[in-house]
């Protein structure tokens, strides 16, 4: 497992923003791993993940930060890559 560049905790392969970017762009734009979706312990968010990328996934809020506006033409690309990433990273006993 890799370590998140934001929070310093382990990043599971199925929640790794660097892996998602590599699936979309054939390489990661990150030098290290980062959570894609927020990570919580109970009700406390311990890592915000990558809101600019997560906003394209079903059920995730839009990133409200300046410079990260939602671009509808990217939604299908991110959702397809995320779906593929979930299949690719499943443990062999779950396939």
PDB file of N, CA and C in Angstrom:
ATOM      1  N   UNK A   1       0.828  -1.189   0.000  1.00  0.00           N
ATOM      2  CA  UNK A   1       0.000   0.000   0.000  1.00  0.00           C
ATOM      3  C   UNK A   1       0.873   1.253   0.000  1.00  0.00           C
ATOM      4  N   UNK A   2       0.355   2.298  -0.618  1.00  0.00           N
ATOM      5  CA  UNK A   2       1.078   3.560  -0.687  1.00  0.00           C
ATOM      6  C   UNK A   2       0.593   4.520   0.389  1.00  0.00           C
ATOM      7  N   UNK A   3       1.336   5.597   0.574  1.00  0.00           N
ATOM      8  CA  UNK A   3       1.026   6.594   1.597  1.00  0.00           C
ATOM      9  C   UNK A   3       0.467   7.855   0.932  1.00  0.00           C
ATOM     10  N   UNK A   4      -0.597   8.407   1.513  1.00  0.00           N
ATOM     11  CA  UNK A   4      -1.252   9.605   0.987  1.00  0.00           C
ATOM     12  C   UNK A   4      -0.371  10.837   1.185  1.00  0.00           C
ATOM     13  N   UNK A   5      -0.240  11.603   0.108  1.00  0.00           N
ATOM     14  CA  UNK A   5       0.577  12.818   0.172  1.00  0.00           C
ATOM     15  C   UNK A   5      -0.103  13.942   0.950  1.00  0.00           C
ATOM     16  N   UNK A   6      -1.391  13.798   1.241  1.00  0.00           N
ATOM     17  CA  UNK A   6      -2.113  14.817   2.018  1.00  0.00           C
ATOM     18  C   UNK A   6      -2.144  14.501   3.512  1.00  0.00           C
ATOM     19  N   UNK A   7      -2.497  13.261   3.846  1.00  0.00           N
ATOM     20  CA  UNK A   7      -2.724  12.943   5.265  1.00  0.00           C
ATOM     21  C   UNK A   7      -1.675  12.019   5.879  1.00  0.00           C
ATOM     22  N   UNK A   8      -0.848  11.385   5.058  1.00  0.00           N
ATOM     23  CA  UNK A   8       0.197  10.516   5.579  1.00  0.00           C
ATOM     24  C   UNK A   8      -0.266   9.121   5.960  1.00  0.00           C
ATOM     25  N   UNK A   9      -1.506   8.774   5.639  1.00  0.00           N
ATOM     26  CA  UNK A   9      -2.028   7.443   5.950  1.00  0.00           C
ATOM     27  C   UNK A   9      -1.970   6.558   4.705  1.00  0.00           C
ATOM     28  N   UNK A  10      -2.161   5.270   4.908  1.00  0.00           N
ATOM     29  CA  UNK A  10      -2.125   4.324   3.802  1.00  0.00           C
ATOM     30  C   UNK A  10      -3.280   4.577   2.834  1.00  0.00           C
ATOM     31  N   UNK A  11      -3.013   4.356   1.557  1.00  0.00           N
ATOM     32  CA  UNK A  11      -4.013   4.522   0.505  1.00  0.00           C
ATOM     33  C   UNK A  11      -4.307   3.158  -0.119  1.00  0.00           C
ATOM     34  N   UNK A  12      -5.527   2.654   0.049  1.00  0.00           N
ATOM     35  CA  UNK A  12      -5.870   1.397  -0.623  1.00  0.00           C
ATOM     36  C   UNK A  12      -5.855   1.586  -2.138  1.00  0.00           C
ATOM     37  N   UNK A  13      -5.521   0.534  -2.847  1.00  0.00           N
ATOM     38  CA  UNK A  13      -5.409   0.621  -4.302  1.00  0.00           C
ATOM     39  C   UNK A  13      -6.714   1.069  -4.959  1.00  0.00           C
ATOM     40  N   UNK A  14      -7.861   0.725  -4.371  1.00  0.00           N
ATOM     41  CA  UNK A  14      -9.140   1.089  -4.986  1.00  0.00           C
ATOM     42  C   UNK A  14      -9.597   2.512  -4.635  1.00  0.00           C
ATOM     43  N   UNK A  15      -8.772   3.258  -3.894  1.00  0.00           N
ATOM     44  CA  UNK A  15      -9.080   4.653  -3.547  1.00  0.00           C
ATOM     45  C   UNK A  15      -7.857   5.540  -3.790  1.00  0.00           C
ATOM     46  N   UNK A  16      -7.068   5.188  -4.772  1.00  0.00           N
ATOM     47  CA  UNK A  16      -5.811   5.893  -5.040  1.00  0.00           C
ATOM     48  C   UNK A  16      -5.966   6.800  -6.261  1.00  0.00           C
ATOM     49  N   UNK A  17      -5.907   8.089  -6.029  1.00  0.00           N
ATOM     50  CA  UNK A  17      -6.052   9.080  -7.085  1.00  0.00           C
ATOM     51  C   UNK A  17      -4.952   8.935  -8.143  1.00  0.00           C
ATOM     52  N   UNK A  18      -3.763   8.580  -7.743  1.00  0.00           N
ATOM     53  CA  UNK A  18      -2.662   8.407  -8.694  1.00  0.00           C
ATOM     54  C   UNK A  18      -2.960   7.260  -9.653  1.00  0.00           C
ATOM     55  N   UNK A  19      -3.546   6.191  -9.146  1.00  0.00           N
ATOM     56  CA  UNK A  19      -3.919   5.057 -10.013  1.00  0.00           C
ATOM     57  C   UNK A  19      -5.011   5.462 -10.985  1.00  0.00           C
ATOM     58  N   UNK A  20      -5.988   6.227 -10.509  1.00  0.00           N
ATOM     59  CA  UNK A  20      -7.066   6.692 -11.380  1.00  0.00           C
ATOM     60  C   UNK A  20      -6.500   7.557 -12.505  1.00  0.00           C
ATOM     61  N   UNK A  21      -5.643   8.493 -12.157  1.00  0.00           N
ATOM     62  CA  UNK A  21      -5.028   9.356 -13.168  1.00  0.00           C
ATOM     63  C   UNK A  21      -4.215   8.545 -14.172  1.00  0.00           C
ATOM     64  N   UNK A  22      -3.515   7.534 -13.702  1.00  0.00           N
ATOM     65  CA  UNK A  22      -2.727   6.691 -14.601  1.00  0.00           C
ATOM     66  C   UNK A  22      -3.628   5.931 -15.569  1.00  0.00           C
ATOM     67  N   UNK A  23      -4.804   5.529 -15.120  1.00  0.00           N
ATOM     68  CA  UNK A  23      -5.739   4.831 -15.999  1.00  0.00           C
ATOM     69  C   UNK A  23      -6.287   5.773 -17.068  1.00  0.00           C
ATOM     70  N   UNK A  24      -6.462   7.035 -16.718  1.00  0.00           N
ATOM     71  CA  UNK A  24      -7.001   8.015 -17.660  1.00  0.00           C
ATOM     72  C   UNK A  24      -5.916   8.526 -18.603  1.00  0.00           C
ATOM     73  N   UNK A  25      -4.765   8.845 -18.067  1.00  0.00           N
ATOM     74  CA  UNK A  25      -3.707   9.518 -18.826  1.00  0.00           C
ATOM     75  C   UNK A  25      -2.510   8.647 -19.169  1.00  0.00           C
ATOM     76  N   UNK A  26      -2.560   7.364 -18.874  1.00  0.00           N
ATOM     77  CA  UNK A  26      -1.455   6.421 -19.074  1.00  0.00           C
ATOM     78  C   UNK A  26      -0.273   6.700 -18.156  1.00  0.00           C
ATOM     79  N   UNK A  27      -0.383   7.721 -17.332  1.00  0.00           N
ATOM     80  CA  UNK A  27       0.624   7.989 -16.297  1.00  0.00           C
ATOM     81  C   UNK A  27      -0.030   8.890 -15.254  1.00  0.00           C
ATOM     82  N   UNK A  28       0.524   8.880 -14.076  1.00  0.00           N
ATOM     83  CA  UNK A  28      -0.016   9.709 -13.002  1.00  0.00           C
ATOM     84  C   UNK A  28       0.619  11.090 -13.053  1.00  0.00           C
ATOM     85  N   UNK A  29      -0.199  12.105 -12.788  1.00  0.00           N
ATOM     86  CA  UNK A  29       0.345  13.464 -12.690  1.00  0.00           C
ATOM     87  C   UNK A  29       0.900  13.716 -11.296  1.00  0.00           C
ATOM     88  N   UNK A  30       0.629  12.785 -10.387  1.00  0.00           N
ATOM     89  CA  UNK A  30       1.124  12.908  -9.015  1.00  0.00           C
ATOM     90  C   UNK A  30       2.449  12.183  -8.882  1.00  0.00           C
ATOM     91  N   UNK A  31       3.313  12.710  -8.050  1.00  0.00           N
ATOM     92  CA  UNK A  31       4.549  12.026  -7.743  1.00  0.00           C
ATOM     93  C   UNK A  31       4.347  10.948  -6.695  1.00  0.00           C
ATOM     94  N   UNK A  32       3.189  11.002  -6.031  1.00  0.00           N
ATOM     95  CA  UNK A  32       2.890  10.022  -4.985  1.00  0.00           C
ATOM     96  C   UNK A  32       1.391   9.785  -4.927  1.00  0.00           C
ATOM     97  N   UNK A  33       1.005   8.831  -4.121  1.00  0.00           N
ATOM     98  CA  UNK A  33      -0.406   8.472  -3.989  1.00  0.00           C
ATOM     99  C   UNK A  33      -1.167   9.504  -3.179  1.00  0.00           C
ATOM    100  N   UNK A  34      -2.477   9.476  -3.359  1.00  0.00           N
ATOM    101  CA  UNK A  34      -3.384  10.355  -2.619  1.00  0.00           C
ATOM    102  C   UNK A  34      -4.746   9.677  -2.609  1.00  0.00           C
ATOM    103  N   UNK A  35      -5.467   9.809  -1.505  1.00  0.00           N
ATOM    104  CA  UNK A  35      -6.829   9.291  -1.480  1.00  0.00           C
ATOM    105  C   UNK A  35      -7.659   9.993  -2.550  1.00  0.00           C
ATOM    106  N   UNK A  36      -8.501   9.243  -3.219  1.00  0.00           N
ATOM    107  CA  UNK A  36      -9.432   9.806  -4.191  1.00  0.00           C
ATOM    108  C   UNK A  36     -10.691  10.294  -3.474  1.00  0.00           C
ATOM    109  N   UNK A  37     -11.306   9.398  -2.729  1.00  0.00           N
ATOM    110  CA  UNK A  37     -12.514   9.729  -1.977  1.00  0.00           C
ATOM    111  C   UNK A  37     -12.156  10.079  -0.540  1.00  0.00           C
ATOM    112  N   UNK A  38     -12.980  10.883   0.111  1.00  0.00           N
ATOM    113  CA  UNK A  38     -12.698  11.234   1.507  1.00  0.00           C
ATOM    114  C   UNK A  38     -12.608   9.987   2.389  1.00  0.00           C
ATOM    115  N   UNK A  39     -11.782  10.074   3.413  1.00  0.00           N
ATOM    116  CA  UNK A  39     -11.612   8.985   4.371  1.00  0.00           C
ATOM    117  C   UNK A  39     -12.126   9.478   5.715  1.00  0.00           C
ATOM    118  N   UNK A  40     -12.994   8.673   6.332  1.00  0.00           N
ATOM    119  CA  UNK A  40     -13.573   9.042   7.626  1.00  0.00           C
ATOM    120  C   UNK A  40     -13.247   7.999   8.679  1.00  0.00           C
ATOM    121  N   UNK A  41     -13.145   8.464   9.902  1.00  0.00           N
ATOM    122  CA  UNK A  41     -13.129   7.592  11.074  1.00  0.00           C
ATOM    123  C   UNK A  41     -14.356   7.993  11.860  1.00  0.00           C
ATOM    124  N   UNK A  42     -15.386   7.163  11.796  1.00  0.00           N
ATOM    125  CA  UNK A  42     -16.669   7.541  12.368  1.00  0.00           C
ATOM    126  C   UNK A  42     -17.247   8.678  11.541  1.00  0.00           C
ATOM    127  N   UNK A  43     -17.569   9.777  12.195  1.00  0.00           N
ATOM    128  CA  UNK A  43     -18.104  10.948  11.498  1.00  0.00           C
ATOM    129  C   UNK A  43     -17.042  11.991  11.193  1.00  0.00           C
ATOM    130  N   UNK A  44     -15.797  11.708  11.549  1.00  0.00           N
ATOM    131  CA  UNK A  44     -14.711  12.675  11.385  1.00  0.00           C
ATOM    132  C   UNK A  44     -13.965  12.407  10.077  1.00  0.00           C
ATOM    133  N   UNK A  45     -13.879  13.426   9.227  1.00  0.00           N
ATOM    134  CA  UNK A  45     -13.110  13.306   7.979  1.00  0.00           C
ATOM    135  C   UNK A  45     -11.634  13.475   8.327  1.00  0.00           C
ATOM    136  N   UNK A  46     -10.856  12.434   8.042  1.00  0.00           N
ATOM    137  CA  UNK A  46      -9.424  12.498   8.351  1.00  0.00           C
ATOM    138  C   UNK A  46      -8.591  12.827   7.111  1.00  0.00           C
ATOM    139  N   UNK A  47      -9.204  12.685   5.925  1.00  0.00           N
ATOM    140  CA  UNK A  47      -8.546  13.098   4.683  1.00  0.00           C
ATOM    141  C   UNK A  47      -9.641  13.484   3.698  1.00  0.00           C
ATOM    142  N   UNK A  48      -9.510  14.670   3.128  1.00  0.00           N
ATOM    143  CA  UNK A  48     -10.534  15.120   2.171  1.00  0.00           C
ATOM    144  C   UNK A  48     -10.435  14.406   0.832  1.00  0.00           C
ATOM    145  N   UNK A  49      -9.351  13.685   0.608  1.00  0.00           N
ATOM    146  CA  UNK A  49      -9.173  13.016  -0.671  1.00  0.00           C
ATOM    147  C   UNK A  49      -8.853  14.029  -1.751  1.00  0.00           C
ATOM    148  N   UNK A  50      -9.377  13.799  -2.942  1.00  0.00           N
ATOM    149  CA  UNK A  50      -9.156  14.692  -4.067  1.00  0.00           C
ATOM    150  C   UNK A  50     -10.511  15.188  -4.578  1.00  0.00           C
ATOM    151  N   UNK A  51     -11.030  16.262  -3.989  1.00  0.00           N
ATOM    152  CA  UNK A  51     -12.357  16.741  -4.372  1.00  0.00           C
ATOM    153  C   UNK A  51     -12.479  17.093  -5.853  1.00  0.00           C
ATOM    154  N   UNK A  52     -11.390  17.552  -6.469  1.00  0.00           N
ATOM    155  CA  UNK A  52     -11.452  17.940  -7.874  1.00  0.00           C
ATOM    156  C   UNK A  52     -11.684  16.746  -8.787  1.00  0.00           C
ATOM    157  N   UNK A  53     -11.275  15.572  -8.382  1.00  0.00           N
ATOM    158  CA  UNK A  53     -11.496  14.365  -9.174  1.00  0.00           C
ATOM    159  C   UNK A  53     -12.724  13.605  -8.695  1.00  0.00           C
ATOM    160  N   UNK A  54     -12.930  13.557  -7.401  1.00  0.00           N
ATOM    161  CA  UNK A  54     -14.074  12.834  -6.848  1.00  0.00           C
ATOM    162  C   UNK A  54     -15.398  13.431  -7.315  1.00  0.00           C
ATOM    163  N   UNK A  55     -15.417  14.724  -7.639  1.00  0.00           N
ATOM    164  CA  UNK A  55     -16.664  15.369  -8.054  1.00  0.00           C
ATOM    165  C   UNK A  55     -17.274  14.741  -9.310  1.00  0.00           C
ATOM    166  N   UNK A  56     -16.506  13.986 -10.047  1.00  0.00           N
ATOM    167  CA  UNK A  56     -17.010  13.344 -11.257  1.00  0.00           C
ATOM    168  C   UNK A  56     -17.619  11.970 -10.988  1.00  0.00           C
ATOM    169  N   UNK A  57     -17.475  11.477  -9.765  1.00  0.00           N
ATOM    170  CA  UNK A  57     -17.986  10.156  -9.418  1.00  0.00           C
ATOM    171  C   UNK A  57     -19.377  10.264  -8.823  1.00  0.00           C
ATOM    172  N   UNK A  58     -20.166   9.261  -9.062  1.00  0.00           N
ATOM    173  CA  UNK A  58     -21.550   9.242  -8.608  1.00  0.00           C
ATOM    174  C   UNK A  58     -21.647   9.445  -7.095  1.00  0.00           C
ATOM    175  N   UNK A  59     -22.532  10.350  -6.689  1.00  0.00           N
ATOM    176  CA  UNK A  59     -22.784  10.581  -5.271  1.00  0.00           C
ATOM    177  C   UNK A  59     -21.831  11.538  -4.589  1.00  0.00           C
ATOM    178  N   UNK A  60     -20.834  12.036  -5.287  1.00  0.00           N
ATOM    179  CA  UNK A  60     -19.859  12.940  -4.678  1.00  0.00           C
ATOM    180  C   UNK A  60     -20.236  14.397  -4.947  1.00  0.00           C
ATOM    181  N   UNK A  61     -19.994  15.284  -3.969  1.00  0.00           N
ATOM    182  CA  UNK A  61     -20.326  16.696  -4.160  1.00  0.00           C
ATOM    183  C   UNK A  61     -19.370  17.372  -5.142  1.00  0.00           C
ATOM    184  N   UNK A  62     -19.815  18.445  -5.727  1.00  0.00           N
ATOM    185  CA  UNK A  62     -18.980  19.250  -6.608  1.00  0.00           C
ATOM    186  C   UNK A  62     -17.908  19.957  -5.786  1.00  0.00           C
ATOM    187  N   UNK A  63     -16.723  20.042  -6.335  1.00  0.00           N
ATOM    188  CA  UNK A  63     -15.623  20.767  -5.697  1.00  0.00           C
ATOM    189  C   UNK A  63     -15.941  22.256  -5.773  1.00  0.00           C
ATOM    190  N   UNK A  64     -15.962  22.916  -4.638  1.00  0.00           N
ATOM    191  CA  UNK A  64     -16.329  24.331  -4.571  1.00  0.00           C
ATOM    192  C   UNK A  64     -15.125  25.265  -4.617  1.00  0.00           C
ATOM    193  N   UNK A  65     -13.928  24.708  -4.664  1.00  0.00           N
ATOM    194  CA  UNK A  65     -12.731  25.550  -4.683  1.00  0.00           C
ATOM    195  C   UNK A  65     -12.565  26.239  -6.032  1.00  0.00           C
ATOM    196  N   UNK A  66     -12.051  27.451  -5.981  1.00  0.00           N
ATOM    197  CA  UNK A  66     -11.779  28.193  -7.224  1.00  0.00           C
ATOM    198  C   UNK A  66     -10.761  27.430  -8.066  1.00  0.00           C
ATOM    199  N   UNK A  67     -10.985  27.386  -9.350  1.00  0.00           N
ATOM    200  CA  UNK A  67     -10.044  26.732 -10.249  1.00  0.00           C
ATOM    201  C   UNK A  67     -10.334  25.267 -10.507  1.00  0.00           C
ATOM    202  N   UNK A  68     -11.346  24.718  -9.848  1.00  0.00           N
ATOM    203  CA  UNK A  68     -11.663  23.297 -10.013  1.00  0.00           C
ATOM    204  C   UNK A  68     -13.113  23.103 -10.442  1.00  0.00           C
ATOM    205  N   UNK A  69     -13.588  23.968 -11.322  1.00  0.00           N
ATOM    206  CA  UNK A  69     -14.967  23.893 -11.756  1.00  0.00           C
ATOM    207  C   UNK A  69     -15.260  22.548 -12.417  1.00  0.00           C
ATOM    208  N   UNK A  70     -16.487  22.088 -12.194  1.00  0.00           N
ATOM    209  CA  UNK A  70     -16.970  20.857 -12.800  1.00  0.00           C
ATOM    210  C   UNK A  70     -17.029  21.018 -14.315  1.00  0.00           C
ATOM    211  N   UNK A  71     -16.495  20.036 -15.024  1.00  0.00           N
ATOM    212  CA  UNK A  71     -16.503  20.042 -16.488  1.00  0.00           C
ATOM    213  C   UNK A  71     -17.247  18.791 -16.960  1.00  0.00           C
ATOM    214  N   UNK A  72     -18.492  18.954 -17.369  1.00  0.00           N
ATOM    215  CA  UNK A  72     -19.339  17.802 -17.706  1.00  0.00           C
ATOM    216  C   UNK A  72     -18.707  16.806 -18.679  1.00  0.00           C
ATOM    217  N   UNK A  73     -17.901  17.280 -19.610  1.00  0.00           N
ATOM    218  CA  UNK A  73     -17.312  16.372 -20.595  1.00  0.00           C
ATOM    219  C   UNK A  73     -16.319  15.382 -19.982  1.00  0.00           C
ATOM    220  N   UNK A  74     -15.888  15.611 -18.744  1.00  0.00           N
ATOM    221  CA  UNK A  74     -14.947  14.699 -18.078  1.00  0.00           C
ATOM    222  C   UNK A  74     -15.639  13.597 -17.265  1.00  0.00           C
ATOM    223  N   UNK A  75     -16.920  13.759 -17.000  1.00  0.00           N
ATOM    224  CA  UNK A  75     -17.619  12.821 -16.116  1.00  0.00           C
ATOM    225  C   UNK A  75     -17.532  11.366 -16.591  1.00  0.00           C
ATOM    226  N   UNK A  76     -17.872  11.108 -17.835  1.00  0.00           N
ATOM    227  CA  UNK A  76     -17.849   9.725 -18.339  1.00  0.00           C
ATOM    228  C   UNK A  76     -16.453   9.113 -18.247  1.00  0.00           C
ATOM    229  N   UNK A  77     -15.435   9.901 -18.532  1.00  0.00           N
ATOM    230  CA  UNK A  77     -14.053   9.411 -18.489  1.00  0.00           C
ATOM    231  C   UNK A  77     -13.677   8.991 -17.069  1.00  0.00           C
ATOM    232  N   UNK A  78     -13.957   9.848 -16.091  1.00  0.00           N
ATOM    233  CA  UNK A  78     -13.613   9.535 -14.704  1.00  0.00           C
ATOM    234  C   UNK A  78     -14.423   8.362 -14.173  1.00  0.00           C
ATOM    235  N   UNK A  79     -15.695   8.325 -14.495  1.00  0.00           N
ATOM    236  CA  UNK A  79     -16.538   7.226 -14.004  1.00  0.00           C
ATOM    237  C   UNK A  79     -16.119   5.886 -14.593  1.00  0.00           C
ATOM    238  N   UNK A  80     -15.793   5.869 -15.876  1.00  0.00           N
ATOM    239  CA  UNK A  80     -15.347   4.618 -16.500  1.00  0.00           C
ATOM    240  C   UNK A  80     -14.012   4.157 -15.912  1.00  0.00           C
ATOM    241  N   UNK A  81     -13.089   5.080 -15.723  1.00  0.00           N
ATOM    242  CA  UNK A  81     -11.779   4.723 -15.148  1.00  0.00           C
ATOM    243  C   UNK A  81     -11.943   4.235 -13.713  1.00  0.00           C
ATOM    244  N   UNK A  82     -12.805   4.887 -12.938  1.00  0.00           N
ATOM    245  CA  UNK A  82     -13.035   4.471 -11.550  1.00  0.00           C
ATOM    246  C   UNK A  82     -13.639   3.070 -11.507  1.00  0.00           C
ATOM    247  N   UNK A  83     -14.604   2.812 -12.372  1.00  0.00           N
ATOM    248  CA  UNK A  83     -15.211   1.482 -12.430  1.00  0.00           C
ATOM    249  C   UNK A  83     -14.165   0.431 -12.783  1.00  0.00           C
ATOM    250  N   UNK A  84     -13.335   0.717 -13.762  1.00  0.00           N
ATOM    251  CA  UNK A  84     -12.263  -0.217 -14.141  1.00  0.00           C
ATOM    252  C   UNK A  84     -11.280  -0.423 -13.006  1.00  0.00           C
ATOM    253  N   UNK A  85     -10.959   0.652 -12.296  1.00  0.00           N
ATOM    254  CA  UNK A  85     -10.020   0.562 -11.181  1.00  0.00           C
ATOM    255  C   UNK A  85     -10.576  -0.347 -10.084  1.00  0.00           C
ATOM    256  N   UNK A  86     -11.877  -0.296  -9.844  1.00  0.00           N
ATOM    257  CA  UNK A  86     -12.479  -1.140  -8.823  1.00  0.00           C
ATOM    258  C   UNK A  86     -12.375  -2.610  -9.204  1.00  0.00           C
ATOM    259  N   UNK A  87     -12.541  -2.935 -10.478  1.00  0.00           N
ATOM    260  CA  UNK A  87     -12.442  -4.303 -10.953  1.00  0.00           C
ATOM    261  C   UNK A  87     -10.997  -4.788 -10.896  1.00  0.00           C
ATOM    262  N   UNK A  88     -10.082  -3.951 -11.366  1.00  0.00           N
ATOM    263  CA  UNK A  88      -8.658  -4.299 -11.409  1.00  0.00           C
ATOM    264  C   UNK A  88      -8.088  -4.521 -10.024  1.00  0.00           C
ATOM    265  N   UNK A  89      -8.547  -3.773  -9.032  1.00  0.00           N
ATOM    266  CA  UNK A  89      -7.943  -3.836  -7.701  1.00  0.00           C
ATOM    267  C   UNK A  89      -8.660  -4.791  -6.744  1.00  0.00           C
ATOM    268  N   UNK A  90      -9.686  -5.484  -7.205  1.00  0.00           N
ATOM    269  CA  UNK A  90     -10.362  -6.452  -6.337  1.00  0.00           C
ATOM    270  C   UNK A  90      -9.405  -7.581  -5.960  1.00  0.00           C
ATOM    271  N   UNK A  91      -9.429  -8.007  -4.709  1.00  0.00           N
ATOM    272  CA  UNK A  91      -8.624  -9.176  -4.335  1.00  0.00           C
ATOM    273  C   UNK A  91      -9.073 -10.390  -5.152  1.00  0.00           C
ATOM    274  N   UNK A  92      -8.161 -11.273  -5.464  1.00  0.00           N
ATOM    275  CA  UNK A  92      -8.467 -12.414  -6.336  1.00  0.00           C
ATOM    276  C   UNK A  92      -9.564 -13.308  -5.767  1.00  0.00           C
ATOM    277  N   UNK A  93      -9.740 -13.344  -4.456  1.00  0.00           N
ATOM    278  CA  UNK A  93     -10.775 -14.204  -3.888  1.00  0.00           C
ATOM    279  C   UNK A  93     -12.175 -13.597  -4.031  1.00  0.00           C
ATOM    280  N   UNK A  94     -12.275 -12.356  -4.504  1.00  0.00           N
ATOM    281  CA  UNK A  94     -13.572 -11.727  -4.694  1.00  0.00           C
ATOM    282  C   UNK A  94     -14.013 -11.707  -6.158  1.00  0.00           C
ATOM    283  N   UNK A  95     -13.162 -12.127  -7.059  1.00  0.00           N
ATOM    284  CA  UNK A  95     -13.512 -12.078  -8.482  1.00  0.00           C
ATOM    285  C   UNK A  95     -14.321 -13.266  -8.910  1.00  0.00           C
TER     286      UNK A  95
END
